[in-house]
């Protein structure tokens, strides 16, 4: 069985629960507006996922003593993001176009599916709340040596400064802790044409060993000029 969810800081759980409630509200509104059968099935599945996730968060917060995890946290980045897409589309509330460019390839990173979901939900929710005029979000993955990169960019006007001390919001600081806990890092940049780019680096294992491909790592210029690629393409 997978390890039970736990929070070293109860505030993290409350923050996640607030995001989940936002997903439920958005999916419910979209369900009322949508008549297409397949889309309604996806939204219902997203609501079921949100309710399950909310229950797990509540159980974790109610446990007086969290049991130590005995199994390693890991997931295949590309596969996990693909599986989360119906849920993530509900997170957008229909207000943002969500596009994928997944090219990391097979391999496991030391982050649980729950934590990966937390990262993506937090960043999409932040875009909806704080990126003025945003129309789309692009999620990209790349592999460079023994590192997988997860990059999320929007096309709005971010209200978060590039300098690290300025992004003092609980959500982004928590994502930085998750990245460091997995042996990686988090980079945040404002784009020159507006919008925000967030890059998460994670060590990757393929067939039990850290490996990589010849794909170059994302350079500062690639991150800084992410807006040259339309996020809704």
C-alpha atoms as a PDB file:
ATOM      1  CA  UNK A   1       0.000   0.000   0.000  1.00  0.00           C
ATOM      2  CA  UNK A   2       1.212   3.554  -0.676  1.00  0.00           C
ATOM      3  CA  UNK A   3       2.289   5.602   2.352  1.00  0.00           C
ATOM      4  CA  UNK A   4      -0.394   7.657   4.060  1.00  0.00           C
ATOM      5  CA  UNK A   5      -0.438  11.355   3.347  1.00  0.00           C
ATOM      6  CA  UNK A   6       1.056  13.460   6.123  1.00  0.00           C
ATOM      7  CA  UNK A   7       1.875  17.111   6.721  1.00  0.00           C
ATOM      8  CA  UNK A   8       4.787  18.344   8.806  1.00  0.00           C
ATOM      9  CA  UNK A   9       2.986  21.691   8.919  1.00  0.00           C
ATOM     10  CA  UNK A  10      -0.849  21.640   9.254  1.00  0.00           C
ATOM     11  CA  UNK A  11      -0.943  24.936   7.352  1.00  0.00           C
ATOM     12  CA  UNK A  12       0.168  23.038   4.239  1.00  0.00           C
ATOM     13  CA  UNK A  13      -2.847  20.743   4.518  1.00  0.00           C
ATOM     14  CA  UNK A  14      -5.262  23.635   4.975  1.00  0.00           C
ATOM     15  CA  UNK A  15      -3.728  25.364   1.952  1.00  0.00           C
ATOM     16  CA  UNK A  16      -4.192  22.219  -0.175  1.00  0.00           C
ATOM     17  CA  UNK A  17      -7.762  21.810   1.034  1.00  0.00           C
ATOM     18  CA  UNK A  18      -8.586  25.378   0.017  1.00  0.00           C
ATOM     19  CA  UNK A  19      -7.238  24.681  -3.478  1.00  0.00           C
ATOM     20  CA  UNK A  20      -9.304  21.491  -3.695  1.00  0.00           C
ATOM     21  CA  UNK A  21     -12.473  23.381  -2.740  1.00  0.00           C
ATOM     22  CA  UNK A  22     -11.715  25.774  -5.580  1.00  0.00           C
ATOM     23  CA  UNK A  23     -11.466  22.827  -7.974  1.00  0.00           C
ATOM     24  CA  UNK A  24     -14.840  21.508  -6.792  1.00  0.00           C
ATOM     25  CA  UNK A  25     -16.454  24.914  -7.328  1.00  0.00           C
ATOM     26  CA  UNK A  26     -14.954  25.281 -10.821  1.00  0.00           C
ATOM     27  CA  UNK A  27     -15.842  21.743 -11.924  1.00  0.00           C
ATOM     28  CA  UNK A  28     -19.399  22.138 -10.625  1.00  0.00           C
ATOM     29  CA  UNK A  29     -19.879  25.352 -12.596  1.00  0.00           C
ATOM     30  CA  UNK A  30     -18.453  23.775 -15.760  1.00  0.00           C
ATOM     31  CA  UNK A  31     -20.693  20.733 -15.301  1.00  0.00           C
ATOM     32  CA  UNK A  32     -23.750  22.980 -15.239  1.00  0.00           C
ATOM     33  CA  UNK A  33     -22.635  24.724 -18.437  1.00  0.00           C
ATOM     34  CA  UNK A  34     -21.525  21.638 -20.399  1.00  0.00           C
ATOM     35  CA  UNK A  35     -23.824  19.358 -22.385  1.00  0.00           C
ATOM     36  CA  UNK A  36     -21.210  17.259 -24.227  1.00  0.00           C
ATOM     37  CA  UNK A  37     -21.270  13.739 -22.750  1.00  0.00           C
ATOM     38  CA  UNK A  38     -17.524  12.999 -22.773  1.00  0.00           C
ATOM     39  CA  UNK A  39     -16.698  16.357 -21.187  1.00  0.00           C
ATOM     40  CA  UNK A  40     -19.299  15.778 -18.470  1.00  0.00           C
ATOM     41  CA  UNK A  41     -17.768  12.369 -17.711  1.00  0.00           C
ATOM     42  CA  UNK A  42     -14.337  13.988 -17.372  1.00  0.00           C
ATOM     43  CA  UNK A  43     -15.716  16.649 -15.036  1.00  0.00           C
ATOM     44  CA  UNK A  44     -17.496  14.053 -12.900  1.00  0.00           C
ATOM     45  CA  UNK A  45     -14.256  12.072 -12.670  1.00  0.00           C
ATOM     46  CA  UNK A  46     -12.444  15.262 -11.653  1.00  0.00           C
ATOM     47  CA  UNK A  47     -15.012  15.917  -8.926  1.00  0.00           C
ATOM     48  CA  UNK A  48     -14.565  12.367  -7.659  1.00  0.00           C
ATOM     49  CA  UNK A  49     -10.787  12.863  -7.603  1.00  0.00           C
ATOM     50  CA  UNK A  50     -11.161  16.163  -5.748  1.00  0.00           C
ATOM     51  CA  UNK A  51     -13.469  14.624  -3.135  1.00  0.00           C
ATOM     52  CA  UNK A  52     -11.075  11.705  -2.617  1.00  0.00           C
ATOM     53  CA  UNK A  53      -8.135  14.065  -2.335  1.00  0.00           C
ATOM     54  CA  UNK A  54     -10.021  16.282   0.116  1.00  0.00           C
ATOM     55  CA  UNK A  55     -10.855  13.277   2.269  1.00  0.00           C
ATOM     56  CA  UNK A  56      -7.212  12.205   2.333  1.00  0.00           C
ATOM     57  CA  UNK A  57      -6.154  15.704   3.381  1.00  0.00           C
ATOM     58  CA  UNK A  58      -8.739  15.764   6.179  1.00  0.00           C
ATOM     59  CA  UNK A  59      -7.644  12.331   7.414  1.00  0.00           C
ATOM     60  CA  UNK A  60      -4.013  13.435   7.427  1.00  0.00           C
ATOM     61  CA  UNK A  61      -4.868  16.563   9.420  1.00  0.00           C
ATOM     62  CA  UNK A  62      -6.938  14.571  11.914  1.00  0.00           C
ATOM     63  CA  UNK A  63      -4.216  12.036  12.643  1.00  0.00           C
ATOM     64  CA  UNK A  64      -2.591  12.989  15.925  1.00  0.00           C
ATOM     65  CA  UNK A  65       0.676  11.304  15.025  1.00  0.00           C
ATOM     66  CA  UNK A  66       1.648  10.841  11.392  1.00  0.00           C
ATOM     67  CA  UNK A  67       3.278   7.485  10.779  1.00  0.00           C
ATOM     68  CA  UNK A  68       6.706   7.625   9.110  1.00  0.00           C
ATOM     69  CA  UNK A  69       6.692   6.761   5.441  1.00  0.00           C
ATOM     70  CA  UNK A  70       8.309   3.419   4.669  1.00  0.00           C
ATOM     71  CA  UNK A  71       8.069   3.520   0.885  1.00  0.00           C
ATOM     72  CA  UNK A  72       9.960   5.819  -1.440  1.00  0.00           C
ATOM     73  CA  UNK A  73       8.063   8.610  -3.131  1.00  0.00           C
ATOM     74  CA  UNK A  74       8.435   8.366  -6.871  1.00  0.00           C
ATOM     75  CA  UNK A  75       6.571   8.788 -10.132  1.00  0.00           C
ATOM     76  CA  UNK A  76       7.188   8.959 -13.864  1.00  0.00           C
ATOM     77  CA  UNK A  77       6.844  12.664 -14.637  1.00  0.00           C
ATOM     78  CA  UNK A  78       5.374  12.470 -18.155  1.00  0.00           C
ATOM     79  CA  UNK A  79       2.968   9.620 -17.376  1.00  0.00           C
ATOM     80  CA  UNK A  80       1.793  11.195 -14.128  1.00  0.00           C
ATOM     81  CA  UNK A  81       1.079  14.571 -15.736  1.00  0.00           C
ATOM     82  CA  UNK A  82      -0.807  12.879 -18.564  1.00  0.00           C
ATOM     83  CA  UNK A  83      -2.949  10.983 -16.051  1.00  0.00           C
ATOM     84  CA  UNK A  84      -3.692  14.213 -14.164  1.00  0.00           C
ATOM     85  CA  UNK A  85      -4.827  16.170 -17.232  1.00  0.00           C
ATOM     86  CA  UNK A  86      -8.630  15.724 -16.809  1.00  0.00           C
ATOM     87  CA  UNK A  87      -8.309  16.887 -13.200  1.00  0.00           C
ATOM     88  CA  UNK A  88      -6.035  19.804 -14.138  1.00  0.00           C
ATOM     89  CA  UNK A  89      -8.495  20.988 -16.791  1.00  0.00           C
ATOM     90  CA  UNK A  90     -11.086  21.232 -14.027  1.00  0.00           C
ATOM     91  CA  UNK A  91      -8.603  23.267 -11.978  1.00  0.00           C
ATOM     92  CA  UNK A  92      -8.482  25.875 -14.763  1.00  0.00           C
ATOM     93  CA  UNK A  93     -12.208  26.431 -14.326  1.00  0.00           C
ATOM     94  CA  UNK A  94     -12.529  26.793 -18.084  1.00  0.00           C
ATOM     95  CA  UNK A  95     -10.806  30.186 -17.859  1.00  0.00           C
ATOM     96  CA  UNK A  96      -7.387  29.028 -19.097  1.00  0.00           C
ATOM     97  CA  UNK A  97      -6.305  26.965 -22.095  1.00  0.00           C
ATOM     98  CA  UNK A  98      -4.024  24.174 -20.876  1.00  0.00           C
ATOM     99  CA  UNK A  99      -1.408  22.690 -23.217  1.00  0.00           C
ATOM    100  CA  UNK A 100       1.230  19.988 -22.773  1.00  0.00           C
ATOM    101  CA  UNK A 101       4.686  19.476 -24.249  1.00  0.00           C
ATOM    102  CA  UNK A 102       6.000  16.355 -22.488  1.00  0.00           C
ATOM    103  CA  UNK A 103       9.441  15.196 -23.615  1.00  0.00           C
ATOM    104  CA  UNK A 104      11.267  13.950 -20.509  1.00  0.00           C
ATOM    105  CA  UNK A 105      10.815  10.297 -21.447  1.00  0.00           C
ATOM    106  CA  UNK A 106      10.551   7.308 -19.134  1.00  0.00           C
ATOM    107  CA  UNK A 107      12.106   7.525 -15.703  1.00  0.00           C
ATOM    108  CA  UNK A 108      11.166   8.015 -12.073  1.00  0.00           C
ATOM    109  CA  UNK A 109      11.683  11.161 -10.032  1.00  0.00           C
ATOM    110  CA  UNK A 110      11.656  11.154  -6.189  1.00  0.00           C
ATOM    111  CA  UNK A 111       8.300  12.903  -5.866  1.00  0.00           C
ATOM    112  CA  UNK A 112       4.959  11.284  -5.082  1.00  0.00           C
ATOM    113  CA  UNK A 113       1.939  11.688  -7.337  1.00  0.00           C
ATOM    114  CA  UNK A 114       0.251  13.612  -4.503  1.00  0.00           C
ATOM    115  CA  UNK A 115       3.134  16.094  -4.299  1.00  0.00           C
ATOM    116  CA  UNK A 116       3.263  16.494  -8.083  1.00  0.00           C
ATOM    117  CA  UNK A 117      -0.475  17.174  -8.072  1.00  0.00           C
ATOM    118  CA  UNK A 118       0.083  19.763  -5.324  1.00  0.00           C
ATOM    119  CA  UNK A 119       2.716  21.540  -7.442  1.00  0.00           C
ATOM    120  CA  UNK A 120       0.551  21.707 -10.566  1.00  0.00           C
ATOM    121  CA  UNK A 121      -2.673  22.663  -8.776  1.00  0.00           C
ATOM    122  CA  UNK A 122      -0.866  25.402  -6.839  1.00  0.00           C
ATOM    123  CA  UNK A 123       0.679  26.944  -9.959  1.00  0.00           C
ATOM    124  CA  UNK A 124      -2.513  26.816 -12.038  1.00  0.00           C
ATOM    125  CA  UNK A 125      -4.520  28.227  -9.123  1.00  0.00           C
ATOM    126  CA  UNK A 126      -1.960  31.020  -8.697  1.00  0.00           C
ATOM    127  CA  UNK A 127      -2.290  31.864 -12.382  1.00  0.00           C
ATOM    128  CA  UNK A 128      -6.078  32.109 -12.117  1.00  0.00           C
ATOM    129  CA  UNK A 129      -5.859  34.304  -9.021  1.00  0.00           C
ATOM    130  CA  UNK A 130      -2.859  36.523  -9.686  1.00  0.00           C
ATOM    131  CA  UNK A 131      -1.933  36.563 -13.395  1.00  0.00           C
ATOM    132  CA  UNK A 132      -3.905  39.465 -14.832  1.00  0.00           C
ATOM    133  CA  UNK A 133      -5.115  38.806 -18.371  1.00  0.00           C
ATOM    134  CA  UNK A 134      -3.816  35.217 -18.545  1.00  0.00           C
ATOM    135  CA  UNK A 135      -5.420  33.075 -21.249  1.00  0.00           C
ATOM    136  CA  UNK A 136      -3.309  29.928 -21.161  1.00  0.00           C
ATOM    137  CA  UNK A 137      -0.825  27.764 -19.297  1.00  0.00           C
ATOM    138  CA  UNK A 138       1.814  25.559 -20.928  1.00  0.00           C
ATOM    139  CA  UNK A 139       3.282  22.574 -19.060  1.00  0.00           C
ATOM    140  CA  UNK A 140       6.581  21.284 -20.450  1.00  0.00           C
ATOM    141  CA  UNK A 141       9.031  18.557 -19.410  1.00  0.00           C
ATOM    142  CA  UNK A 142      12.602  17.983 -20.549  1.00  0.00           C
ATOM    143  CA  UNK A 143      15.495  15.728 -19.519  1.00  0.00           C
ATOM    144  CA  UNK A 144      19.058  16.958 -19.163  1.00  0.00           C
ATOM    145  CA  UNK A 145      21.589  14.386 -18.024  1.00  0.00           C
ATOM    146  CA  UNK A 146      20.308  12.914 -14.767  1.00  0.00           C
ATOM    147  CA  UNK A 147      17.767  15.698 -14.199  1.00  0.00           C
ATOM    148  CA  UNK A 148      14.144  16.060 -15.276  1.00  0.00           C
ATOM    149  CA  UNK A 149      12.799  19.589 -15.677  1.00  0.00           C
ATOM    150  CA  UNK A 150       9.150  20.523 -15.201  1.00  0.00           C
ATOM    151  CA  UNK A 151       8.357  23.984 -16.580  1.00  0.00           C
ATOM    152  CA  UNK A 152       5.070  25.834 -16.255  1.00  0.00           C
ATOM    153  CA  UNK A 153       4.502  29.200 -17.944  1.00  0.00           C
ATOM    154  CA  UNK A 154       1.504  31.477 -18.348  1.00  0.00           C
ATOM    155  CA  UNK A 155       0.846  34.461 -20.610  1.00  0.00           C
ATOM    156  CA  UNK A 156      -0.612  36.864 -18.060  1.00  0.00           C
ATOM    157  CA  UNK A 157       0.921  39.728 -16.133  1.00  0.00           C
ATOM    158  CA  UNK A 158       2.393  38.161 -13.012  1.00  0.00           C
ATOM    159  CA  UNK A 159       2.240  40.013  -9.721  1.00  0.00           C
ATOM    160  CA  UNK A 160       5.273  38.168  -8.325  1.00  0.00           C
ATOM    161  CA  UNK A 161       8.744  39.675  -8.627  1.00  0.00           C
ATOM    162  CA  UNK A 162      11.720  37.731  -9.967  1.00  0.00           C
ATOM    163  CA  UNK A 163      13.821  38.164  -6.848  1.00  0.00           C
ATOM    164  CA  UNK A 164      13.502  35.231  -4.466  1.00  0.00           C
ATOM    165  CA  UNK A 165      12.720  37.276  -1.304  1.00  0.00           C
ATOM    166  CA  UNK A 166       9.698  38.758  -3.053  1.00  0.00           C
ATOM    167  CA  UNK A 167       7.769  35.549  -3.657  1.00  0.00           C
ATOM    168  CA  UNK A 168       6.799  35.225  -0.035  1.00  0.00           C
ATOM    169  CA  UNK A 169       3.433  33.562  -0.642  1.00  0.00           C
ATOM    170  CA  UNK A 170       2.959  30.359   1.324  1.00  0.00           C
ATOM    171  CA  UNK A 171       2.225  28.342  -1.815  1.00  0.00           C
ATOM    172  CA  UNK A 172       5.446  29.073  -3.708  1.00  0.00           C
ATOM    173  CA  UNK A 173       7.600  28.754  -0.615  1.00  0.00           C
ATOM    174  CA  UNK A 174       6.053  25.361   0.010  1.00  0.00           C
ATOM    175  CA  UNK A 175       6.772  24.276  -3.573  1.00  0.00           C
ATOM    176  CA  UNK A 176      10.383  25.268  -3.021  1.00  0.00           C
ATOM    177  CA  UNK A 177      10.475  23.014   0.057  1.00  0.00           C
ATOM    178  CA  UNK A 178       8.988  20.124  -1.937  1.00  0.00           C
ATOM    179  CA  UNK A 179      11.605  20.595  -4.650  1.00  0.00           C
ATOM    180  CA  UNK A 180      14.475  20.673  -2.167  1.00  0.00           C
ATOM    181  CA  UNK A 181      13.069  17.682  -0.300  1.00  0.00           C
ATOM    182  CA  UNK A 182      13.204  15.716  -3.559  1.00  0.00           C
ATOM    183  CA  UNK A 183      16.806  16.757  -4.179  1.00  0.00           C
ATOM    184  CA  UNK A 184      15.893  19.384  -6.756  1.00  0.00           C
ATOM    185  CA  UNK A 185      15.325  23.113  -7.032  1.00  0.00           C
ATOM    186  CA  UNK A 186      12.688  25.683  -7.970  1.00  0.00           C
ATOM    187  CA  UNK A 187      13.265  28.719 -10.181  1.00  0.00           C
ATOM    188  CA  UNK A 188      10.760  31.528 -10.715  1.00  0.00           C
ATOM    189  CA  UNK A 189      11.081  34.196 -13.413  1.00  0.00           C
ATOM    190  CA  UNK A 190       8.898  36.955 -14.752  1.00  0.00           C
ATOM    191  CA  UNK A 191       8.777  36.953 -18.548  1.00  0.00           C
ATOM    192  CA  UNK A 192       9.642  40.128 -20.478  1.00  0.00           C
ATOM    193  CA  UNK A 193       6.325  40.137 -22.336  1.00  0.00           C
ATOM    194  CA  UNK A 194       4.302  39.394 -19.214  1.00  0.00           C
ATOM    195  CA  UNK A 195       3.551  36.143 -17.455  1.00  0.00           C
ATOM    196  CA  UNK A 196       5.469  33.914 -15.105  1.00  0.00           C
ATOM    197  CA  UNK A 197       7.711  30.896 -15.730  1.00  0.00           C
ATOM    198  CA  UNK A 198       8.377  28.343 -12.994  1.00  0.00           C
ATOM    199  CA  UNK A 199      10.956  25.577 -13.480  1.00  0.00           C
ATOM    200  CA  UNK A 200      11.271  22.601 -11.146  1.00  0.00           C
ATOM    201  CA  UNK A 201      14.337  20.348 -11.429  1.00  0.00           C
ATOM    202  CA  UNK A 202      14.262  16.785 -10.090  1.00  0.00           C
ATOM    203  CA  UNK A 203      16.838  13.970 -10.180  1.00  0.00           C
ATOM    204  CA  UNK A 204      15.664  11.102 -12.387  1.00  0.00           C
ATOM    205  CA  UNK A 205      16.230   7.353 -12.274  1.00  0.00           C
ATOM    206  CA  UNK A 206      15.859   5.038 -15.259  1.00  0.00           C
ATOM    207  CA  UNK A 207      15.978   1.256 -14.700  1.00  0.00           C
ATOM    208  CA  UNK A 208      17.050   1.828 -11.115  1.00  0.00           C
ATOM    209  CA  UNK A 209      19.984   4.072 -12.023  1.00  0.00           C
ATOM    210  CA  UNK A 210      20.328   7.777 -12.567  1.00  0.00           C
ATOM    211  CA  UNK A 211      20.592   8.316 -16.293  1.00  0.00           C
ATOM    212  CA  UNK A 212      19.891  10.959 -18.852  1.00  0.00           C
ATOM    213  CA  UNK A 213      19.748  11.799 -22.509  1.00  0.00           C
ATOM    214  CA  UNK A 214      21.622  14.234 -24.684  1.00  0.00           C
ATOM    215  CA  UNK A 215      18.819  16.780 -24.429  1.00  0.00           C
ATOM    216  CA  UNK A 216      20.321  20.072 -23.169  1.00  0.00           C
ATOM    217  CA  UNK A 217      19.086  21.582 -19.928  1.00  0.00           C
ATOM    218  CA  UNK A 218      16.829  24.637 -20.158  1.00  0.00           C
ATOM    219  CA  UNK A 219      19.034  27.713 -20.208  1.00  0.00           C
ATOM    220  CA  UNK A 220      18.173  30.976 -18.459  1.00  0.00           C
ATOM    221  CA  UNK A 221      17.430  32.402 -21.900  1.00  0.00           C
ATOM    222  CA  UNK A 222      14.989  29.567 -22.660  1.00  0.00           C
ATOM    223  CA  UNK A 223      13.128  30.217 -19.424  1.00  0.00           C
ATOM    224  CA  UNK A 224      13.298  33.984 -19.786  1.00  0.00           C
ATOM    225  CA  UNK A 225      11.948  33.918 -23.337  1.00  0.00           C
ATOM    226  CA  UNK A 226       9.343  31.219 -22.785  1.00  0.00           C
ATOM    227  CA  UNK A 227       6.713  33.696 -23.945  1.00  0.00           C
ATOM    228  CA  UNK A 228       8.014  33.361 -27.515  1.00  0.00           C
ATOM    229  CA  UNK A 229       6.146  30.039 -27.640  1.00  0.00           C
ATOM    230  CA  UNK A 230       2.378  30.655 -27.418  1.00  0.00           C
ATOM    231  CA  UNK A 231       1.166  28.750 -24.379  1.00  0.00           C
ATOM    232  CA  UNK A 232      -2.096  27.877 -26.112  1.00  0.00           C
ATOM    233  CA  UNK A 233      -0.419  26.337 -29.158  1.00  0.00           C
END
